[in-house]
Protein backbone atom coordinates (compact mmCIF):
# COMPACT_ATOMS: atom_id res chain seq x y z
CA MET A 1 -34.54 30.31 20.07
CA SER A 2 -31.45 30.94 22.26
CA LYS A 3 -30.26 27.40 21.75
CA PHE A 4 -30.58 27.72 18.09
CA ILE A 5 -28.63 30.97 18.06
CA THR A 6 -25.82 29.38 20.27
CA ILE A 7 -25.41 26.44 17.92
CA LEU A 8 -25.06 28.69 14.84
CA SER A 9 -23.31 31.71 16.41
CA GLY A 10 -20.13 31.12 14.30
CA LEU A 11 -22.12 30.74 11.04
CA ILE A 12 -24.56 33.49 11.71
CA GLN A 13 -21.72 36.10 11.85
CA GLU A 14 -20.56 35.25 8.30
CA ALA A 15 -23.65 33.77 6.60
CA GLY A 16 -25.98 36.01 4.78
CA ARG A 17 -28.06 35.91 1.55
CA ILE A 18 -26.64 37.31 -1.66
CA LYS A 19 -28.48 40.52 -2.56
CA LEU A 20 -28.56 42.02 -5.92
CA ASP A 21 -27.83 45.69 -6.08
CA PHE A 22 -30.83 48.12 -7.09
CA LYS A 23 -29.62 48.48 -10.64
CA THR A 24 -29.17 44.75 -11.35
CA GLN A 25 -32.60 44.03 -9.66
CA THR A 26 -34.20 46.62 -11.89
CA LEU A 27 -32.66 45.13 -14.97
CA LEU A 28 -33.84 41.66 -13.92
CA ASP A 29 -37.44 42.92 -13.39
CA ASN A 30 -37.18 44.56 -16.92
CA PHE A 31 -36.21 41.31 -18.53
CA VAL A 32 -39.09 39.59 -16.62
CA ASN A 33 -41.53 42.16 -18.20
CA LYS A 34 -39.86 41.84 -21.67
CA ILE A 35 -39.91 37.96 -21.61
CA TYR A 36 -43.46 37.85 -20.39
CA LYS A 37 -44.67 40.10 -23.32
CA LYS A 38 -42.89 38.01 -25.77
CA LYS A 39 -44.43 34.84 -24.30
CA LEU A 40 -47.90 36.47 -24.61
CA SER A 41 -47.24 37.44 -28.33
CA GLY A 42 -45.71 34.10 -29.11
CA VAL A 43 -42.12 33.06 -29.81
CA LYS A 44 -41.32 30.23 -32.11
CA THR A 45 -37.57 30.76 -32.82
CA TYR A 46 -34.32 31.28 -30.77
CA THR A 47 -34.40 34.96 -29.81
CA SER A 48 -31.89 37.08 -28.20
CA LEU A 49 -33.40 39.78 -25.85
CA GLY A 50 -30.19 41.63 -24.91
CA TYR A 51 -27.55 41.50 -22.35
CA MET A 52 -27.33 41.97 -18.48
CA PRO A 53 -24.17 43.19 -16.89
CA ILE A 54 -22.97 41.20 -13.85
CA VAL A 55 -20.03 41.01 -11.42
CA THR A 56 -18.83 37.73 -10.03
CA SER A 57 -18.55 37.58 -6.27
CA ASP A 58 -14.76 37.63 -6.66
CA GLY A 59 -14.98 41.00 -8.39
CA PHE A 60 -14.83 40.22 -12.15
CA PRO A 61 -17.28 42.14 -14.45
CA GLY A 62 -19.09 40.34 -17.25
CA GLN A 63 -22.39 40.19 -18.97
CA VAL A 64 -25.15 37.56 -19.60
CA GLU A 65 -27.08 37.28 -22.75
CA ILE A 66 -30.71 36.50 -22.11
CA VAL A 67 -32.15 34.37 -24.77
CA LEU A 68 -35.57 32.79 -25.54
CA ASP A 69 -35.40 29.19 -26.66
CA PRO A 70 -38.78 27.48 -27.32
CA GLU A 71 -36.77 24.09 -27.66
CA LEU A 72 -35.42 24.07 -24.19
CA PRO A 73 -36.82 21.11 -22.25
CA TYR A 74 -37.20 23.16 -19.13
CA LEU A 75 -37.91 26.66 -18.03
CA GLY A 76 -34.29 28.07 -17.64
CA LEU A 77 -30.65 27.10 -18.08
CA LEU A 78 -27.34 28.90 -17.69
CA ASP A 79 -24.92 27.90 -20.62
CA GLN A 80 -21.69 29.03 -21.95
CA LYS A 81 -21.01 30.25 -25.58
CA VAL A 82 -17.51 28.80 -25.39
CA GLU A 83 -17.17 25.47 -23.57
CA ASP A 84 -15.04 25.57 -20.30
CA SER A 85 -14.61 29.31 -20.78
CA THR A 86 -13.49 31.19 -17.57
CA ASP A 87 -14.74 34.33 -19.08
CA PRO A 88 -17.79 35.91 -17.29
CA ASN A 89 -18.76 37.47 -20.73
CA ASP A 90 -19.51 34.02 -22.17
CA PHE A 91 -22.68 33.35 -20.19
CA VAL A 92 -26.11 32.91 -21.76
CA VAL A 93 -29.34 32.32 -19.86
CA LEU A 94 -31.70 30.33 -21.94
CA ILE A 95 -35.48 30.60 -21.14
CA ASN A 96 -38.33 28.63 -22.68
CA PRO A 97 -41.21 31.01 -22.82
CA ASN A 98 -43.79 28.18 -23.22
CA LYS A 99 -42.91 26.89 -19.79
CA ILE A 100 -43.58 30.12 -17.96
CA THR A 101 -46.45 29.87 -15.50
CA SER A 102 -46.16 33.28 -13.80
CA ARG A 103 -44.08 36.35 -13.55
CA LYS A 104 -42.93 35.35 -10.07
CA TYR A 105 -41.70 32.00 -11.24
CA LEU A 106 -39.89 33.54 -14.18
CA TYR A 107 -38.23 36.14 -11.79
CA GLN A 108 -37.12 33.34 -9.45
CA THR A 109 -35.73 31.24 -12.30
CA LEU A 110 -33.81 34.19 -13.77
CA PHE A 111 -32.61 34.96 -10.29
CA HIS A 112 -31.35 31.39 -9.85
CA GLU A 113 -29.40 31.51 -13.16
CA ILE A 114 -27.80 34.91 -12.27
CA MET A 115 -26.71 33.35 -8.96
CA HIS A 116 -24.90 30.73 -11.00
CA ALA A 117 -23.31 33.36 -13.31
CA THR A 118 -21.91 35.40 -10.62
CA ASP A 119 -20.48 32.22 -8.89
CA PRO A 120 -16.79 32.11 -9.42
CA MET A 121 -17.03 28.25 -9.50
CA PHE A 122 -18.85 28.67 -12.81
CA SER A 123 -16.20 30.81 -14.40
CA THR A 124 -13.03 32.44 -12.90
CA LYS A 125 -12.35 29.60 -10.33
CA GLN A 126 -13.88 26.67 -12.04
CA SER A 127 -11.97 23.40 -11.84
CA GLU A 128 -12.28 19.81 -13.24
CA LYS A 129 -12.06 18.61 -9.64
CA LEU A 130 -14.93 20.61 -8.45
CA TRP A 131 -17.14 19.64 -11.48
CA SER A 132 -16.36 16.01 -11.05
CA THR A 133 -18.34 16.06 -7.78
CA TYR A 134 -21.34 17.82 -9.51
CA ASP A 135 -24.17 15.83 -11.30
CA PRO A 136 -27.64 17.01 -11.69
CA GLU A 137 -28.81 13.56 -12.41
CA ILE A 138 -27.74 12.28 -8.86
CA ASP A 139 -29.54 13.94 -6.06
CA GLU A 140 -26.63 13.66 -3.50
CA LYS A 141 -24.22 15.20 -6.09
CA TYR A 142 -26.76 18.02 -6.99
CA TRP A 143 -28.63 19.27 -3.94
CA ALA A 144 -25.66 18.97 -1.55
CA HIS A 145 -23.25 20.57 -3.88
CA PRO A 146 -21.99 24.05 -3.08
CA ILE A 147 -22.71 25.36 -6.56
CA GLU A 148 -26.42 24.33 -6.37
CA PHE A 149 -26.78 25.29 -2.66
CA ARG A 150 -25.52 28.80 -3.55
CA ALA A 151 -28.25 29.33 -6.25
CA SER A 152 -31.00 27.36 -4.54
CA SER A 153 -30.80 28.79 -1.07
CA ASN A 154 -30.32 32.37 -2.31
CA GLU A 155 -33.28 31.89 -4.71
CA PHE A 156 -35.66 30.80 -1.83
CA LEU A 157 -34.45 33.62 0.56
CA GLU A 158 -34.91 36.15 -2.25
CA GLY A 159 -38.38 34.89 -2.81
CA ILE A 160 -39.50 35.24 0.70
CA VAL A 161 -38.16 38.71 1.13
CA ARG A 162 -40.01 39.78 -2.05
CA GLU A 163 -43.22 38.09 -0.96
CA PHE A 164 -43.24 39.76 2.49
CA ASN A 165 -42.62 43.18 0.85
CA ILE A 166 -45.61 42.52 -1.54
CA ARG A 167 -47.92 41.72 1.36
CA LYS A 168 -46.63 44.60 3.56
CA ASN A 169 -47.50 46.99 0.78
CA ARG A 170 -50.90 45.53 0.01
CA LEU A 171 -52.34 45.47 3.50
CA LYS A 172 -55.70 46.95 3.64
CA ASN A 173 -55.74 46.92 7.50
CA LYS A 174 -52.27 48.03 8.56
CA SER A 175 -52.67 46.66 12.04
CA ASN A 176 -52.27 43.08 10.44
CA ILE A 177 -48.65 43.77 10.08
CA VAL A 178 -48.41 41.73 13.37
CA LEU A 179 -49.65 38.70 11.60
CA LEU A 180 -46.81 39.07 8.95
CA MET A 181 -44.29 39.31 11.94
CA LYS A 182 -45.73 36.09 13.41
CA ALA A 183 -45.64 34.32 9.83
CA ALA A 184 -41.91 35.27 9.69
CA ASP A 185 -41.21 33.74 12.99
CA ASN A 186 -43.12 30.79 12.09
CA ILE A 187 -41.14 30.19 8.88
CA LEU A 188 -38.00 30.11 10.95
CA ASP A 189 -39.40 27.91 13.58
CA TYR A 190 -40.51 25.39 10.89
CA PHE A 191 -37.09 25.00 9.37
CA SER A 192 -35.11 25.34 12.68
CA LYS A 193 -37.38 23.55 15.14
CA GLY A 194 -39.80 21.40 12.89
CA LYS A 195 -42.80 23.28 14.03
CA LYS A 196 -45.89 23.20 11.78
CA LEU A 197 -46.28 26.06 9.39
CA ASN A 198 -49.34 28.16 9.99
CA LYS A 199 -51.71 28.91 7.22
CA LEU A 200 -50.26 32.32 6.52
CA ALA A 201 -46.68 31.22 6.38
CA PHE A 202 -47.65 28.31 4.11
CA ASN A 203 -49.47 30.77 1.83
CA ILE A 204 -46.53 33.01 1.69
CA ILE A 205 -44.06 30.32 0.76
CA ASN A 206 -46.53 28.79 -1.70
CA GLU A 207 -46.99 32.19 -3.44
CA ILE A 208 -43.22 32.75 -4.07
CA THR A 209 -43.69 31.12 -7.54
CA ASP A 210 -47.37 31.68 -7.88
CA ASP A 211 -47.59 28.50 -10.01
CA GLU A 212 -51.29 28.36 -10.26
CA HIS A 213 -52.08 30.28 -13.39
CA LEU A 214 -55.67 31.46 -12.87
CA ASN A 215 -57.45 32.89 -15.82
CA ASN A 216 -60.78 33.57 -14.24
CA VAL A 217 -61.52 36.80 -12.61
CA MET A 218 -63.08 35.19 -9.47
CA GLY A 219 -60.07 32.92 -8.98
CA LYS A 220 -57.64 35.84 -9.02
CA ILE A 221 -59.71 37.81 -6.51
CA LEU A 222 -59.81 34.81 -4.10
CA LYS A 223 -56.05 34.39 -4.60
CA ASP A 224 -55.49 38.03 -3.79
CA ILE A 225 -57.45 38.06 -0.47
CA PRO A 226 -54.63 36.75 1.83
CA LEU A 227 -52.44 39.39 0.41
CA GLU A 228 -54.65 42.22 1.40
CA TYR A 229 -56.50 40.51 4.51
CA PRO A 230 -54.19 38.17 6.06
CA ASP A 231 -56.44 37.42 8.89
CA VAL A 232 -59.01 35.87 6.49
CA ILE A 233 -56.50 32.94 5.69
CA GLU A 234 -57.71 31.19 8.87
CA LEU A 235 -61.10 30.72 7.22
CA MET A 236 -59.73 29.06 4.13
CA PRO A 237 -59.05 25.34 3.93
CA GLU A 238 -55.64 23.93 4.53
CA ARG A 239 -53.52 22.93 1.50
CA GLU A 240 -52.27 19.36 1.33
CA ASN A 241 -49.51 19.57 -1.02
CA PRO A 242 -46.30 21.35 0.27
CA PRO A 243 -45.09 24.33 -1.59
CA LYS A 244 -42.37 23.77 -4.20
CA TYR A 245 -39.68 25.47 -2.11
CA ILE A 246 -40.35 23.27 0.88
CA SER A 247 -39.38 20.19 -1.19
CA ILE A 248 -36.28 21.96 -2.46
CA ILE A 249 -35.07 22.98 0.89
CA GLU A 250 -35.82 19.56 2.43
CA LEU A 251 -33.57 17.88 -0.32
CA ILE A 252 -30.68 20.22 0.83
CA LYS A 253 -31.24 19.18 4.40
CA LYS A 254 -31.34 15.53 3.43
CA TYR A 255 -28.23 15.30 1.48
CA ASP A 256 -25.92 17.57 3.48
CA PRO A 257 -26.60 18.08 7.10
CA GLU A 258 -23.51 20.40 7.37
CA ILE A 259 -24.51 22.74 4.65
CA TRP A 260 -27.97 22.70 6.22
CA LYS A 261 -26.55 24.52 9.20
CA ARG A 262 -25.30 27.28 6.90
CA PHE A 263 -28.89 27.60 5.35
CA LEU A 264 -30.36 28.00 8.85
CA ALA A 265 -27.92 30.74 9.61
CA MET A 266 -28.72 32.49 6.21
CA LEU A 267 -32.45 32.09 6.97
CA TYR A 268 -31.96 33.52 10.42
CA LYS A 269 -30.44 36.61 9.21
CA THR A 270 -33.04 36.93 6.35
CA ILE A 271 -36.00 36.67 8.82
CA GLY A 272 -34.26 39.37 10.88
CA GLU A 273 -33.99 41.50 7.86
CA ILE A 274 -37.78 40.92 7.01
CA LYS A 275 -38.88 41.73 10.54
CA SER A 276 -36.93 44.90 10.65
CA SER A 277 -38.57 45.92 7.52
CA LEU A 278 -41.95 45.15 8.91
CA ARG A 279 -41.20 47.02 12.20
CA ASN A 280 -40.01 50.03 10.27
CA TYR A 281 -43.26 49.92 8.48
CA GLN A 282 -45.23 49.47 11.58
CA GLN A 283 -43.67 52.61 13.00
CA THR A 284 -45.07 54.60 10.07
CA ILE A 285 -48.64 53.62 10.77
């Protein structure tokens, strides 16, 4: 661990995940609930659900329109109402309700698009030179690009913070907080040292999106067991396919080793934040 800290000491001082303020996060959760209700009732036409205030990271206020678009070929997309606009008020997030598999995945998608909307490179500081190096169709021009790194890395870190908070609050045996602490360390060790993910850490990362949409009662009960009794996870069979976010983060590592160091620094600080929250909870037991 000390070697890892020494290598990244300069980055760790300045790197940190982007956090939404309480009001913005509440609005985001409200839109998740609103969109999910619309999905259940059925949406067949382009439907606006309202506006979400934002502030770009360089301090310019704006608003993002949230729209349901059943014709969108994927779950989510940030678009502009006026092409090449530098106005943060011209953003629209399009969501295809038919491609939603869970509330968690929907939240993560909206968070990702809000990361783009608050990125000055998308508005106030956009440039033709910068966009010429960005291409979603070419992996090395997508995953390693600072625009996508900002959104994808913060999306993942937001996801693990939320997942640890869910599990902390659902523990049936509060002494199992120790297992959550070990899982947090294991996630850091996996990315920084290449150690194998233990079953609980694997489950935590896998459940960030909760992609498996289970409609039967028994399936949901079994899925909830590790949330309430993390020690039981050791009795469950190992999963073979890597979680969605493992694949995404590995692509960042593959295409830009330098930006990977920044991700590790951000992860280190985020794991510290998670463990601090777990320790505070432990002291109240």
